């Protein structure tokens, strides 16, 4: 694409943005909508946050233990395969 086409398309884009900026004005939501949203969205209590954090921590510990066990199993299997391969060879 040539530079003249790029500057042409950029100027068209800038004109479009300026036009839309003039047409689109901020709109305040009705108080009914904000009240419904405030009821649906609530900040959890500190005890709930701590409980969720402890659940995640125990999940990570369980996953870490499982992955460590899998790595240990793979390491032992590779060692046995290596030792068995030397005997037969």
Foldseek 3Di string as FASTA:
>chain_A
DDPVVVVVVVVVVVVVVVVVVVVDDDDDDDPVVVVVVDVVDDDDDPVVVVVVVVVVVVVVVVVVVVVVVVVVVVVVVVVVVVVVVVVVD
